[in-house]
Amino acid sequence: MAYSDQKMSGGKVGALVIVALIHVALGYAFITGLATNFVKKQVEKLNTFDVEEPPPPPPEEPPP
């Protein structure tokens, strides 16, 4: 019997499903809740300022 012809047992399928659910739950937790406090703290610490462009130089006089 070839390796690829073997059937997966119920225990292996169940373990695979459980591992997949754990990964989905961890991903959901990271996306929706765990990182929000960090982002809010960084936004509060962010200092912004306006950069003013220097005025353009006066036009040069053409040579006579």
N, C-alpha and C. Protein backbone atom coordinates (compact mmCIF):
# COMPACT_ATOMS: atom_id res chain seq x y z
N MET A 1 0.84 -1.17 0.00
CA MET A 1 0.00 0.00 0.00
C MET A 1 0.89 1.24 0.00
N ALA A 2 0.64 2.15 -0.90
CA ALA A 2 1.43 3.36 -1.02
C ALA A 2 1.07 4.35 0.09
N TYR A 3 2.00 5.21 0.40
CA TYR A 3 1.78 6.19 1.46
C TYR A 3 0.61 7.11 1.12
N SER A 4 0.49 7.51 -0.13
CA SER A 4 -0.58 8.43 -0.52
C SER A 4 -1.95 7.78 -0.52
N ASP A 5 -2.02 6.46 -0.53
CA ASP A 5 -3.31 5.77 -0.53
C ASP A 5 -3.86 5.57 0.88
N GLN A 6 -3.09 5.87 1.90
CA GLN A 6 -3.56 5.66 3.27
C GLN A 6 -4.60 6.70 3.64
N LYS A 7 -5.59 6.28 4.41
CA LYS A 7 -6.65 7.18 4.88
C LYS A 7 -6.19 7.85 6.17
N MET A 8 -6.63 9.08 6.37
CA MET A 8 -6.34 9.78 7.62
C MET A 8 -7.28 9.25 8.69
N SER A 9 -6.76 8.99 9.87
CA SER A 9 -7.60 8.52 10.96
C SER A 9 -8.38 9.69 11.54
N GLY A 10 -9.41 9.38 12.29
CA GLY A 10 -10.25 10.42 12.90
C GLY A 10 -9.47 11.28 13.87
N GLY A 11 -8.52 10.69 14.56
CA GLY A 11 -7.72 11.46 15.51
C GLY A 11 -6.87 12.51 14.83
N LYS A 12 -6.31 12.16 13.70
CA LYS A 12 -5.47 13.12 12.97
C LYS A 12 -6.31 14.26 12.40
N VAL A 13 -7.48 13.92 11.90
CA VAL A 13 -8.35 14.95 11.34
C VAL A 13 -8.82 15.88 12.45
N GLY A 14 -9.18 15.32 13.59
CA GLY A 14 -9.63 16.13 14.72
C GLY A 14 -8.52 17.05 15.21
N ALA A 15 -7.31 16.53 15.31
CA ALA A 15 -6.18 17.35 15.75
C ALA A 15 -5.92 18.47 14.76
N LEU A 16 -6.02 18.17 13.47
CA LEU A 16 -5.82 19.19 12.45
C LEU A 16 -6.86 20.30 12.57
N VAL A 17 -8.10 19.93 12.82
CA VAL A 17 -9.18 20.92 12.97
C VAL A 17 -8.94 21.78 14.21
N ILE A 18 -8.54 21.16 15.30
CA ILE A 18 -8.29 21.90 16.54
C ILE A 18 -7.14 22.89 16.36
N VAL A 19 -6.08 22.47 15.73
CA VAL A 19 -4.94 23.36 15.48
C VAL A 19 -5.35 24.52 14.59
N ALA A 20 -6.15 24.24 13.57
CA ALA A 20 -6.62 25.31 12.68
C ALA A 20 -7.48 26.31 13.45
N LEU A 21 -8.35 25.83 14.33
CA LEU A 21 -9.20 26.72 15.12
C LEU A 21 -8.37 27.57 16.09
N ILE A 22 -7.34 27.00 16.66
CA ILE A 22 -6.47 27.76 17.55
C ILE A 22 -5.78 28.88 16.78
N HIS A 23 -5.31 28.59 15.58
CA HIS A 23 -4.65 29.61 14.77
C HIS A 23 -5.63 30.72 14.39
N VAL A 24 -6.83 30.35 14.03
CA VAL A 24 -7.84 31.35 13.67
C VAL A 24 -8.16 32.22 14.89
N ALA A 25 -8.31 31.62 16.06
CA ALA A 25 -8.63 32.38 17.27
C ALA A 25 -7.50 33.34 17.63
N LEU A 26 -6.26 32.89 17.53
CA LEU A 26 -5.13 33.77 17.83
C LEU A 26 -5.04 34.92 16.83
N GLY A 27 -5.24 34.63 15.56
CA GLY A 27 -5.22 35.68 14.55
C GLY A 27 -6.32 36.70 14.78
N TYR A 28 -7.51 36.23 15.12
CA TYR A 28 -8.63 37.13 15.40
C TYR A 28 -8.31 38.00 16.62
N ALA A 29 -7.73 37.41 17.65
CA ALA A 29 -7.39 38.17 18.86
C ALA A 29 -6.36 39.25 18.55
N PHE A 30 -5.36 38.94 17.77
CA PHE A 30 -4.35 39.94 17.42
C PHE A 30 -4.94 41.06 16.59
N ILE A 31 -5.79 40.71 15.65
CA ILE A 31 -6.33 41.73 14.76
C ILE A 31 -7.31 42.64 15.48
N THR A 32 -8.16 42.09 16.35
CA THR A 32 -9.24 42.88 16.93
C THR A 32 -8.96 43.50 18.28
N GLY A 33 -8.06 42.94 19.06
CA GLY A 33 -8.00 43.47 20.40
C GLY A 33 -6.66 43.65 21.05
N LEU A 34 -5.75 42.80 20.80
CA LEU A 34 -4.52 42.84 21.58
C LEU A 34 -3.64 44.03 21.25
N ALA A 35 -3.67 44.51 20.04
CA ALA A 35 -2.76 45.58 19.63
C ALA A 35 -3.37 46.97 19.73
N THR A 36 -4.64 47.10 20.11
CA THR A 36 -5.27 48.43 20.10
C THR A 36 -4.68 49.35 21.16
N ASN A 37 -4.34 48.84 22.33
CA ASN A 37 -3.77 49.70 23.36
C ASN A 37 -2.42 50.26 22.93
N PHE A 38 -1.63 49.46 22.28
CA PHE A 38 -0.32 49.92 21.80
C PHE A 38 -0.49 51.03 20.78
N VAL A 39 -1.43 50.88 19.87
CA VAL A 39 -1.65 51.89 18.83
C VAL A 39 -2.13 53.18 19.46
N LYS A 40 -3.04 53.11 20.42
CA LYS A 40 -3.55 54.32 21.06
C LYS A 40 -2.44 55.06 21.80
N LYS A 41 -1.57 54.34 22.48
CA LYS A 41 -0.47 54.98 23.20
C LYS A 41 0.48 55.68 22.22
N GLN A 42 0.76 55.04 21.10
CA GLN A 42 1.67 55.64 20.13
C GLN A 42 1.05 56.88 19.49
N VAL A 43 -0.26 56.88 19.27
CA VAL A 43 -0.92 58.04 18.68
C VAL A 43 -0.88 59.20 19.66
N GLU A 44 -1.06 58.93 20.95
CA GLU A 44 -1.01 59.99 21.94
C GLU A 44 0.39 60.60 22.03
N LYS A 45 1.42 59.82 21.87
CA LYS A 45 2.80 60.30 21.98
C LYS A 45 3.27 61.02 20.72
N LEU A 46 2.55 60.89 19.63
CA LEU A 46 2.99 61.43 18.36
C LEU A 46 2.93 62.96 18.37
N ASN A 47 4.04 63.60 18.13
CA ASN A 47 4.10 65.06 18.05
C ASN A 47 4.16 65.46 16.59
N THR A 48 3.27 66.36 16.21
CA THR A 48 3.24 66.81 14.82
C THR A 48 3.51 68.31 14.78
N PHE A 49 3.98 68.77 13.65
CA PHE A 49 4.23 70.19 13.45
C PHE A 49 4.12 70.49 11.97
N ASP A 50 3.84 71.76 11.67
CA ASP A 50 3.74 72.19 10.28
C ASP A 50 5.10 72.66 9.80
N VAL A 51 5.45 72.26 8.62
CA VAL A 51 6.70 72.70 8.00
C VAL A 51 6.35 73.81 7.02
N GLU A 52 6.91 74.98 7.29
CA GLU A 52 6.64 76.11 6.40
C GLU A 52 7.71 76.16 5.32
N GLU A 53 7.27 76.33 4.10
CA GLU A 53 8.22 76.44 3.00
C GLU A 53 8.82 77.85 3.01
N PRO A 54 10.11 77.95 2.73
CA PRO A 54 10.70 79.30 2.68
C PRO A 54 10.13 80.05 1.49
N PRO A 55 10.07 81.38 1.60
CA PRO A 55 9.54 82.14 0.46
C PRO A 55 10.46 82.01 -0.75
N PRO A 56 9.91 82.09 -1.93
CA PRO A 56 10.76 81.95 -3.13
C PRO A 56 11.71 83.15 -3.23
N PRO A 57 12.88 82.94 -3.78
CA PRO A 57 13.83 84.06 -3.92
C PRO A 57 13.29 85.08 -4.92
N PRO A 58 13.70 86.33 -4.76
CA PRO A 58 13.22 87.33 -5.72
C PRO A 58 13.76 87.03 -7.12
N PRO A 59 13.01 87.39 -8.13
CA PRO A 59 13.49 87.10 -9.49
C PRO A 59 14.75 87.91 -9.81
N GLU A 60 15.63 87.27 -10.54
CA GLU A 60 16.87 87.95 -10.92
C GLU A 60 16.58 88.93 -12.06
N GLU A 61 17.30 90.03 -12.01
CA GLU A 61 17.12 91.02 -13.08
C GLU A 61 17.86 90.51 -14.32
N PRO A 62 17.24 90.65 -15.48
CA PRO A 62 17.94 90.21 -16.70
C PRO A 62 19.14 91.12 -17.00
N PRO A 63 20.17 90.60 -17.58
CA PRO A 63 21.33 91.46 -17.92
C PRO A 63 20.94 92.49 -18.98
N PRO A 64 21.56 93.65 -18.94
CA PRO A 64 21.21 94.70 -19.94
C PRO A 64 21.66 94.37 -21.34
